[in-house]
Amino acid sequence: MKIRRVSAFQVFDSRGNPTIEAEVQLGCGALGRGLVPSGASKGVSEALELRDGDSSRFHGKSVERAIAHVNHEIARAICGMNADSQADVDRVLIELDGTPNKSRLGANAILAVSLAVANSAAISQGKPLFESLSGGRANLMPLPEIQIFGGGAHANRRTDVQDFLVVTTGAETYLESLETAFLVYNTAADILKERNRYYGVADEGGYWPEFSTNEEVLDVLLEAIVRAGFQPGKDVAISLDIAASELFDERTGKYRFNHPKEEFTSQEFIDLMGRWCEKYPILSLEDPMSEKDWPGWKGIYGKLGKKIQLVGDDLFCTNVDRIHRGIQAGVANAVLVKPNQIGTVTETIAAIRLTQEAGWLPIVSARSGETEDVFISHLAVATNAGQIKVGSFARSERMAKWNELIRIERALGGRAQFRGARIFETLGISLAF
């Protein structure tokens, strides 16, 4: 189980941008890999993604410095360590970097190695990754959130809202959940074709939105649910990623829409979210307020926190200190979890555990610039997280995660459980829309 060789090289993510892949080989010959995704909409508290900044190569997006850190400094530090001691390896990586946000070595360099160590340990043990990460205690298949329309930073800001997603609240199995999403996704395409608005897909595989207002997208999504044969709210609910930090002007303290052009105070924006939740079967709101508007978060939790899932993404950045602050302040009831926001497997799992211990819900999530790596599928099951957000029901970097969960369910056999919408009972949320 001792780490014998560590190396890294440049590959490409789903947007065709450079990213880093690391390989960790053990003395027994087991070889684990780790690929790192990249986000377009990033919280200011995320760990730093190190890029070269040399405009003559890949418009400054190359990752040769991060690769050099892996091949030299990181390799020297962890070779000889035991791969099955993930926490020890990650601690050495964190201490080696020595900065609060992993800015010296780069969170992308550190995460690539951390992922590769986890994979090499599982291979050496002859276990699926989810079993290795959980110690054999994993059995819960996650409820998917699946994007139907992309927007915001994922679609050249054609809409203000970043993600329009569905949650298959009526599904009794993981596979039924995927079938439901398939039907809604393809019905939405039919509607767009009828209206001559079928323009391909955005970064995460959801349809490219050519709409005049955010409400128009919601109306079409609602129509797609009904036309696909489902009862809104009972069979299929709506989840929105507002990505409000992208809409917030810190100087004026106001939120701005471009579709149509409108400006809102924090309270007015809270009231707008409330009206949307009354009009549409919205079960979950992600980042409905800016990461810099903690009073706004407190206000929206007071208005909607007992009715729907309120998810912090930019607000928390998979950081246990920020999640703890949120728990103490009572501003949300769920946390979006992205490994590359924090930079190691150990810290990611710690964020999930803290969320669960507080009675909140974790949602394991992909990024908009994804890879074919399926680590997050295993992570969601290994931690019994209960929910996963990968993007849409198209594009191979997305489908790889959905398909890997099918394989995991087969591996679990009779042990596999699927709570589906019952996961929200923890929050005391009623699904009666």
Protein backbone atom coordinates (compact mmCIF):
# COMPACT_ATOMS: atom_id res chain seq x y z
CA MET A 1 0.00 0.00 0.00
CA LYS A 2 2.99 2.34 0.03
CA ILE A 3 3.01 5.10 -2.56
CA ARG A 4 5.82 4.40 -5.01
CA ARG A 5 5.27 6.93 -7.80
CA VAL A 6 3.33 10.19 -8.22
CA SER A 7 3.01 12.01 -11.54
CA ALA A 8 0.70 14.45 -13.33
CA PHE A 9 0.02 15.72 -16.83
CA GLN A 10 -2.32 18.07 -18.66
CA VAL A 11 -5.64 16.83 -20.07
CA PHE A 12 -8.84 18.68 -21.04
CA ASP A 13 -12.23 19.21 -19.44
CA SER A 14 -15.68 19.24 -21.04
CA ARG A 15 -15.25 22.83 -22.23
CA GLY A 16 -11.95 21.93 -23.89
CA ASN A 17 -9.95 23.82 -21.28
CA PRO A 18 -6.74 22.41 -19.81
CA THR A 19 -6.97 20.62 -16.49
CA ILE A 20 -4.79 18.27 -14.49
CA GLU A 21 -4.75 14.49 -14.16
CA ALA A 22 -2.61 12.77 -11.54
CA GLU A 23 -1.49 9.17 -11.25
CA VAL A 24 -0.48 7.46 -8.03
CA GLN A 25 1.12 4.02 -8.24
CA LEU A 26 1.59 1.79 -5.21
CA GLY A 27 4.26 -0.75 -4.44
CA CYS A 28 1.80 -3.53 -5.22
CA GLY A 29 1.34 -2.11 -8.73
CA ALA A 30 -2.12 -0.59 -8.19
CA LEU A 31 -2.51 2.61 -10.23
CA GLY A 32 -5.08 5.24 -9.29
CA ARG A 33 -6.01 8.36 -11.23
CA GLY A 34 -7.61 11.67 -10.34
CA LEU A 35 -9.00 14.30 -12.75
CA VAL A 36 -10.00 17.76 -11.60
CA PRO A 37 -13.02 19.73 -12.92
CA SER A 38 -13.39 23.50 -13.10
CA GLY A 39 -16.26 25.84 -12.32
CA ALA A 40 -17.46 28.91 -14.22
CA SER A 41 -19.46 30.41 -11.36
CA LYS A 42 -17.08 30.40 -8.38
CA GLY A 43 -17.43 31.45 -4.77
CA VAL A 44 -14.82 33.90 -3.51
CA SER A 45 -13.94 31.49 -0.69
CA GLU A 46 -13.12 28.55 -2.97
CA ALA A 47 -9.67 27.01 -2.85
CA LEU A 48 -7.51 28.39 -5.65
CA GLU A 49 -7.37 26.72 -9.04
CA LEU A 50 -3.77 27.38 -10.15
CA ARG A 51 -3.36 28.30 -13.81
CA ASP A 52 -0.26 29.61 -15.53
CA GLY A 53 -1.61 32.93 -16.80
CA ASP A 54 0.65 32.83 -19.86
CA SER A 55 -1.50 34.30 -22.63
CA SER A 56 0.65 32.64 -25.29
CA ARG A 57 -0.58 29.19 -24.19
CA PHE A 58 -4.25 28.19 -24.01
CA HIS A 59 -5.23 31.84 -23.34
CA GLY A 60 -3.47 31.62 -19.99
CA LYS A 61 -5.38 28.53 -18.85
CA SER A 62 -2.56 25.98 -18.99
CA VAL A 63 -1.73 24.16 -15.73
CA GLU A 64 1.98 23.43 -16.12
CA ARG A 65 2.88 25.02 -12.77
CA ALA A 66 0.37 22.84 -10.94
CA ILE A 67 1.71 19.78 -12.77
CA ALA A 68 5.27 20.68 -11.79
CA HIS A 69 4.21 20.92 -8.14
CA VAL A 70 2.81 17.38 -8.34
CA ASN A 71 5.78 15.89 -10.14
CA HIS A 72 8.35 17.36 -7.80
CA GLU A 73 7.39 18.80 -4.41
CA ILE A 74 4.25 16.75 -3.80
CA ALA A 75 5.77 13.53 -5.09
CA ARG A 76 8.75 13.91 -2.74
CA ALA A 77 6.47 14.59 0.21
CA ILE A 78 4.11 11.61 -0.07
CA CYS A 79 6.14 8.83 -1.71
CA GLY A 80 6.54 6.11 0.89
CA MET A 81 3.28 6.96 2.68
CA ASN A 82 0.44 4.45 2.93
CA ALA A 83 -2.34 5.06 0.43
CA ASP A 84 -4.94 3.63 2.79
CA SER A 85 -4.19 6.47 5.23
CA GLN A 86 -6.11 9.08 3.23
CA ALA A 87 -6.38 11.53 6.12
CA ASP A 88 -2.62 11.41 6.72
CA VAL A 89 -1.79 11.96 3.06
CA ASP A 90 -4.25 14.85 2.80
CA ARG A 91 -2.87 16.42 5.97
CA VAL A 92 0.65 16.34 4.50
CA LEU A 93 -0.65 17.94 1.29
CA ILE A 94 -2.40 20.71 3.23
CA GLU A 95 0.63 21.40 5.40
CA LEU A 96 2.96 21.31 2.42
CA ASP A 97 0.93 24.02 0.70
CA GLY A 98 0.75 26.09 3.87
CA THR A 99 -1.87 28.61 2.71
CA PRO A 100 -5.53 29.00 3.76
CA ASN A 101 -6.82 28.47 0.21
CA LYS A 102 -4.15 26.15 -1.28
CA SER A 103 -2.89 28.98 -3.45
CA ARG A 104 0.80 28.05 -3.36
CA LEU A 105 0.61 24.56 -4.87
CA GLY A 106 -2.88 24.95 -6.30
CA ALA A 107 -6.04 23.20 -5.16
CA ASN A 108 -6.19 21.51 -8.55
CA ALA A 109 -2.75 19.96 -8.01
CA ILE A 110 -3.60 18.86 -4.48
CA LEU A 111 -7.04 17.48 -5.35
CA ALA A 112 -5.76 15.50 -8.35
CA VAL A 113 -3.31 13.70 -6.06
CA SER A 114 -5.85 13.24 -3.25
CA LEU A 115 -8.32 11.65 -5.68
CA ALA A 116 -5.62 9.44 -7.19
CA VAL A 117 -4.57 8.22 -3.73
CA ALA A 118 -8.17 7.28 -2.89
CA ASN A 119 -8.53 5.39 -6.16
CA SER A 120 -5.21 3.58 -5.80
CA ALA A 121 -6.12 2.44 -2.29
CA ALA A 122 -9.47 1.04 -3.49
CA ILE A 123 -7.80 -0.80 -6.38
CA SER A 124 -5.17 -2.24 -4.06
CA GLN A 125 -7.89 -3.47 -1.69
CA GLY A 126 -9.87 -4.99 -4.56
CA LYS A 127 -12.92 -2.93 -3.58
CA PRO A 128 -15.16 -0.47 -5.39
CA LEU A 129 -14.23 3.08 -4.47
CA PHE A 130 -17.48 3.71 -2.59
CA GLU A 131 -16.79 0.69 -0.38
CA SER A 132 -13.21 1.76 0.27
CA LEU A 133 -14.26 5.30 1.20
CA SER A 134 -17.08 4.17 3.48
CA GLY A 135 -15.54 1.14 5.15
CA GLY A 136 -18.42 -0.95 3.82
CA ARG A 137 -21.18 1.18 5.41
CA ALA A 138 -22.57 2.68 2.18
CA ASN A 139 -25.99 1.70 0.85
CA LEU A 140 -28.01 4.81 -0.05
CA MET A 141 -28.51 5.66 -3.72
CA PRO A 142 -28.81 9.42 -4.21
CA LEU A 143 -31.80 11.31 -5.55
CA PRO A 144 -30.69 13.16 -8.71
CA GLU A 145 -31.17 16.82 -9.50
CA ILE A 146 -31.11 17.04 -13.29
CA GLN A 147 -30.81 20.22 -15.32
CA ILE A 148 -33.32 20.81 -18.10
CA PHE A 149 -32.30 24.37 -19.04
CA GLY A 150 -28.88 25.93 -18.51
CA GLY A 151 -28.48 29.64 -17.91
CA GLY A 152 -26.37 32.25 -16.19
CA ALA A 153 -22.63 31.70 -16.48
CA HIS A 154 -23.28 28.35 -18.18
CA ALA A 155 -25.10 29.86 -21.16
CA ASN A 156 -23.60 33.28 -21.85
CA ARG A 157 -26.10 34.75 -19.36
CA ARG A 158 -29.06 34.19 -21.65
CA THR A 159 -31.10 33.94 -18.45
CA ASP A 160 -30.37 35.38 -15.03
CA VAL A 161 -31.06 32.11 -13.22
CA GLN A 162 -28.18 29.67 -13.70
CA ASP A 163 -29.89 26.25 -13.53
CA PHE A 164 -33.46 25.12 -14.09
CA LEU A 165 -33.60 21.54 -12.79
CA VAL A 166 -36.05 18.81 -11.89
CA VAL A 167 -36.20 16.60 -8.82
CA THR A 168 -38.09 13.36 -9.43
CA THR A 169 -40.10 13.38 -6.22
CA GLY A 170 -42.37 10.54 -7.29
CA ALA A 171 -39.65 8.04 -8.22
CA GLU A 172 -39.35 4.91 -6.08
CA THR A 173 -36.01 3.74 -7.48
CA TYR A 174 -32.88 5.34 -8.85
CA LEU A 175 -33.55 3.95 -12.35
CA GLU A 176 -37.12 5.25 -12.27
CA SER A 177 -35.70 8.64 -11.37
CA LEU A 178 -33.54 8.60 -14.51
CA GLU A 179 -36.45 7.50 -16.69
CA THR A 180 -38.60 10.34 -15.38
CA ALA A 181 -35.83 12.84 -16.08
CA PHE A 182 -35.40 11.40 -19.58
CA LEU A 183 -39.08 11.97 -20.34
CA VAL A 184 -39.15 15.54 -19.05
CA TYR A 185 -35.86 16.40 -20.78
CA ASN A 186 -37.02 15.09 -24.15
CA THR A 187 -40.47 16.62 -23.82
CA ALA A 188 -38.84 19.99 -23.17
CA ALA A 189 -36.93 19.50 -26.45
CA ASP A 190 -40.20 18.82 -28.27
CA ILE A 191 -41.68 22.06 -26.95
CA LEU A 192 -38.63 24.04 -28.02
CA LYS A 193 -38.73 22.51 -31.50
CA GLU A 194 -42.42 23.38 -31.86
CA ARG A 195 -41.60 27.00 -31.00
CA ASN A 196 -38.47 27.13 -33.16
CA ARG A 197 -36.28 27.67 -30.10
CA TYR A 198 -34.20 24.51 -30.16
CA TYR A 199 -30.62 25.82 -30.16
CA GLY A 200 -28.54 23.00 -28.70
CA VAL A 201 -27.24 22.73 -25.15
CA ALA A 202 -25.35 24.82 -22.60
CA ASP A 203 -22.23 23.88 -20.60
CA GLU A 204 -23.90 21.21 -18.47
CA GLY A 205 -26.10 19.65 -21.15
CA GLY A 206 -29.32 21.50 -20.41
CA TYR A 207 -30.99 23.21 -23.35
CA TRP A 208 -29.66 26.59 -24.45
CA PRO A 209 -32.28 29.10 -23.29
CA GLU A 210 -33.64 31.62 -25.76
CA PHE A 211 -36.30 33.20 -23.56
CA SER A 212 -37.29 36.76 -22.72
CA THR A 213 -37.74 36.29 -18.96
CA ASN A 214 -36.84 33.85 -16.24
CA GLU A 215 -40.53 33.17 -15.65
CA GLU A 216 -40.95 32.11 -19.27
CA VAL A 217 -38.37 29.35 -18.69
CA LEU A 218 -40.26 28.23 -15.61
CA ASP A 219 -43.51 28.15 -17.57
CA VAL A 220 -41.97 25.96 -20.29
CA LEU A 221 -40.42 23.66 -17.68
CA LEU A 222 -43.79 23.31 -15.98
CA GLU A 223 -45.41 22.55 -19.33
CA ALA A 224 -42.78 19.90 -20.05
CA ILE A 225 -43.48 18.17 -16.73
CA VAL A 226 -47.21 18.06 -17.41
CA ARG A 227 -46.91 17.05 -21.05
CA ALA A 228 -44.53 14.24 -20.09
CA GLY A 229 -47.37 12.80 -18.02
CA PHE A 230 -46.38 13.88 -14.53
CA GLN A 231 -48.09 15.83 -11.78
CA PRO A 232 -46.02 18.88 -10.85
CA GLY A 233 -44.91 18.79 -7.24
CA LYS A 234 -46.06 15.24 -6.63
CA ASP A 235 -44.16 13.38 -9.35
CA VAL A 236 -41.65 16.04 -10.39
CA ALA A 237 -40.62 19.21 -8.57
CA ILE A 238 -38.45 22.11 -9.66
CA SER A 239 -35.03 23.06 -8.33
CA LEU A 240 -33.37 26.37 -9.19
CA ASP A 241 -29.77 27.47 -8.88
CA ILE A 242 -30.14 31.23 -8.72
CA ALA A 243 -26.36 31.84 -8.39
CA ALA A 244 -27.30 35.14 -6.77
CA SER A 245 -23.69 36.15 -6.10
CA GLU A 246 -23.44 36.73 -9.87
CA LEU A 247 -26.40 39.10 -9.69
CA PHE A 248 -25.38 41.08 -6.60
CA ASP A 249 -23.82 44.54 -6.75
CA GLU A 250 -21.91 44.86 -3.49
CA ARG A 251 -21.52 48.61 -3.99
CA THR A 252 -25.27 49.27 -4.08
CA GLY A 253 -26.36 46.21 -2.11
CA LYS A 254 -28.87 45.35 -4.85
CA TYR A 255 -29.58 42.40 -7.13
CA ARG A 256 -29.88 42.94 -10.87
CA PHE A 257 -31.72 41.02 -13.57
CA ASN A 258 -31.14 41.54 -17.27
CA HIS A 259 -34.19 39.54 -18.47
CA PRO A 260 -35.92 41.96 -18.20
CA LYS A 261 -33.77 44.68 -16.67
CA GLU A 262 -34.82 44.97 -13.04
CA GLU A 263 -33.17 45.89 -9.75
CA PHE A 264 -34.08 44.55 -6.33
CA THR A 265 -33.19 45.33 -2.76
CA SER A 266 -32.34 42.30 -0.67
CA GLN A 267 -35.87 42.19 0.75
CA GLU A 268 -37.43 42.65 -2.68
CA PHE A 269 -35.35 39.74 -3.98
CA ILE A 270 -36.48 37.58 -1.06
CA ASP A 271 -40.08 38.50 -1.87
CA LEU A 272 -39.55 37.57 -5.54
CA MET A 273 -38.23 34.14 -4.54
CA GLY A 274 -41.29 33.75 -2.32
CA ARG A 275 -43.66 34.57 -5.19
CA TRP A 276 -41.91 32.06 -7.46
CA CYS A 277 -42.28 29.37 -4.79
CA GLU A 278 -45.99 30.13 -4.53
CA LYS A 279 -46.54 30.04 -8.30
CA TYR A 280 -44.34 27.06 -9.21
CA PRO A 281 -43.67 23.66 -7.56
CA ILE A 282 -40.20 24.69 -6.38
CA LEU A 283 -38.68 22.28 -3.89
CA SER A 284 -35.12 23.61 -3.76
CA LEU A 285 -33.38 26.97 -4.14
CA GLU A 286 -29.61 27.06 -4.43
CA ASP A 287 -27.76 30.29 -3.68
CA PRO A 288 -30.93 32.42 -3.66
CA MET A 289 -28.90 35.20 -2.02
CA SER A 290 -25.33 36.43 -2.50
CA GLU A 291 -22.47 34.90 -0.55
CA LYS A 292 -21.84 38.43 0.75
CA ASP A 293 -25.42 39.01 1.87
CA TRP A 294 -25.65 37.09 5.15
CA PRO A 295 -28.60 39.23 6.39
CA GLY A 296 -30.39 38.33 3.14
CA TRP A 297 -29.77 34.65 3.81
CA LYS A 298 -31.19 35.05 7.28
CA GLY A 299 -34.23 36.76 5.81
CA ILE A 300 -34.93 34.17 3.14
CA TYR A 301 -34.51 31.33 5.62
CA GLY A 302 -37.10 33.00 7.84
CA LYS A 303 -39.49 33.17 4.88
CA LEU A 304 -38.87 29.83 3.15
CA GLY A 305 -36.63 27.66 5.34
CA LYS A 306 -39.48 25.57 6.71
CA LYS A 307 -41.06 25.10 3.29
CA ILE A 308 -38.27 24.24 0.85
CA GLN A 309 -34.63 23.18 0.68
CA LEU A 310 -32.33 26.23 0.83
CA VAL A 311 -28.89 25.30 -0.47
CA GLY A 312 -25.65 27.17 0.11
CA ASP A 313 -23.01 26.77 -2.60
CA ASP A 314 -20.95 29.96 -2.97
CA LEU A 315 -21.95 30.74 0.61
CA PHE A 316 -20.15 27.69 2.02
CA CYS A 317 -17.66 26.52 -0.65
CA THR A 318 -17.46 23.03 0.95
CA ASN A 319 -15.56 24.68 3.83
CA VAL A 320 -16.29 23.36 7.34
CA ASP A 321 -15.64 26.74 8.95
CA ARG A 322 -18.16 28.47 6.70
CA ILE A 323 -20.68 25.64 7.08
CA HIS A 324 -20.31 25.85 10.86
CA ARG A 325 -20.94 29.60 10.69
CA GLY A 326 -24.06 28.95 8.60
CA ILE A 327 -25.34 26.38 11.07
CA GLN A 328 -24.81 28.76 13.98
CA ALA A 329 -26.50 31.62 12.11
CA GLY A 330 -29.43 29.52 10.86
CA VAL A 331 -29.30 30.69 7.25
CA ALA A 332 -29.86 27.50 5.22
CA ASN A 333 -30.70 23.81 5.55
CA ALA A 334 -28.55 22.22 2.85
CA VAL A 335 -25.00 22.42 1.47
CA LEU A 336 -23.75 21.86 -2.07
CA VAL A 337 -20.54 19.81 -1.91
CA LYS A 338 -17.84 20.13 -4.58
CA PRO A 339 -14.44 18.53 -3.92
CA ASN A 340 -12.53 21.10 -5.97
CA GLN A 341 -13.91 23.94 -3.84
CA ILE A 342 -11.86 22.69 -0.88
CA GLY A 343 -9.13 20.53 -2.44
CA THR A 344 -8.90 17.16 -0.65
CA VAL A 345 -11.02 14.06 -0.22
CA THR A 346 -10.75 14.24 3.58
CA GLU A 347 -11.97 17.83 3.80
CA THR A 348 -14.82 17.08 1.41
CA ILE A 349 -16.05 14.19 3.53
CA ALA A 350 -15.70 16.31 6.68
CA ALA A 351 -17.97 18.94 5.11
CA ILE A 352 -20.59 16.27 4.35
CA ARG A 353 -20.41 14.85 7.87
CA LEU A 354 -20.79 18.27 9.51
CA THR A 355 -23.80 18.99 7.31
CA GLN A 356 -25.44 15.71 8.24
CA GLU A 357 -24.71 16.08 11.94
CA ALA A 358 -26.52 19.42 11.90
CA GLY A 359 -29.63 17.78 10.44
CA TRP A 360 -29.03 19.51 7.11
CA LEU A 361 -28.86 17.83 3.70
CA PRO A 362 -25.69 17.55 1.60
CA ILE A 363 -25.88 17.53 -2.19
CA VAL A 364 -22.79 16.16 -3.93
CA SER A 365 -22.19 18.18 -7.08
CA ALA A 366 -20.23 18.25 -10.33
CA ARG A 367 -18.86 21.43 -11.95
CA SER A 368 -19.71 23.07 -15.25
CA GLY A 369 -16.28 22.23 -16.68
CA GLU A 370 -16.33 18.48 -15.97
CA THR A 371 -14.26 15.43 -16.83
CA GLU A 372 -15.02 11.76 -17.34
CA ASP A 373 -13.94 11.11 -13.72
CA VAL A 374 -16.74 9.46 -11.70
CA PHE A 375 -15.42 10.08 -8.20
CA ILE A 376 -18.46 12.09 -7.11
CA SER A 377 -20.81 9.18 -7.90
CA HIS A 378 -18.86 7.06 -5.43
CA LEU A 379 -18.64 9.91 -2.94
CA ALA A 380 -22.42 10.41 -2.89
CA VAL A 381 -22.99 6.74 -2.09
CA ALA A 382 -20.01 6.35 0.26
CA THR A 383 -21.29 9.14 2.51
CA ASN A 384 -25.02 8.27 2.18
CA ALA A 385 -25.42 11.89 1.08
CA GLY A 386 -28.87 11.25 -0.39
CA GLN A 387 -28.68 13.74 -3.28
CA ILE A 388 -26.46 14.38 -6.29
CA LYS A 389 -26.37 17.17 -8.88
CA VAL A 390 -24.40 16.35 -12.01
CA GLY A 391 -25.92 18.60 -14.66
CA SER A 392 -28.27 17.43 -17.36
CA PHE A 393 -29.28 14.15 -18.99
CA ALA A 394 -26.89 14.62 -21.91
CA ARG A 395 -23.15 14.90 -22.67
CA SER A 396 -20.86 12.04 -21.82
CA GLU A 397 -19.11 13.75 -18.89
CA ARG A 398 -22.57 13.96 -17.25
CA MET A 399 -23.86 10.55 -18.28
CA ALA A 400 -20.66 8.93 -16.99
CA LYS A 401 -21.75 9.86 -13.46
CA TRP A 402 -25.35 8.68 -13.90
CA ASN A 403 -24.13 5.42 -15.46
CA GLU A 404 -21.57 4.82 -12.72
CA LEU A 405 -24.36 5.05 -10.16
CA ILE A 406 -26.19 2.28 -12.06
CA ARG A 407 -23.06 0.14 -11.70
CA ILE A 408 -22.81 0.99 -8.00
CA GLU A 409 -26.44 0.01 -7.46
CA ARG A 410 -25.74 -3.33 -9.14
CA ALA A 411 -22.68 -3.84 -6.93
CA LEU A 412 -24.72 -3.09 -3.81
CA GLY A 413 -27.37 -5.62 -4.83
CA GLY A 414 -29.92 -6.19 -2.09
CA ARG A 415 -28.19 -3.69 0.20
CA ALA A 416 -29.08 -0.76 -2.07
CA GLN A 417 -31.64 1.67 -0.67
CA PHE A 418 -33.35 4.64 -2.30
CA ARG A 419 -35.20 7.10 -0.11
CA GLY A 420 -36.01 9.45 -2.96
CA ALA A 421 -38.08 12.42 -1.86
CA ARG A 422 -38.31 10.98 1.65
CA ILE A 423 -34.86 12.44 2.15
CA PHE A 424 -36.56 15.81 2.70
CA GLU A 425 -38.42 14.51 5.76
CA THR A 426 -35.25 15.41 7.67
CA LEU A 427 -36.07 19.07 7.00
CA GLY A 428 -39.75 18.71 7.78
CA ILE A 429 -40.66 19.74 4.22
CA SER A 430 -44.09 18.88 2.87
CA LEU A 431 -44.32 17.91 -0.80
CA ALA A 432 -47.91 19.12 -1.05
CA PHE A 433 -47.59 21.94 -3.58
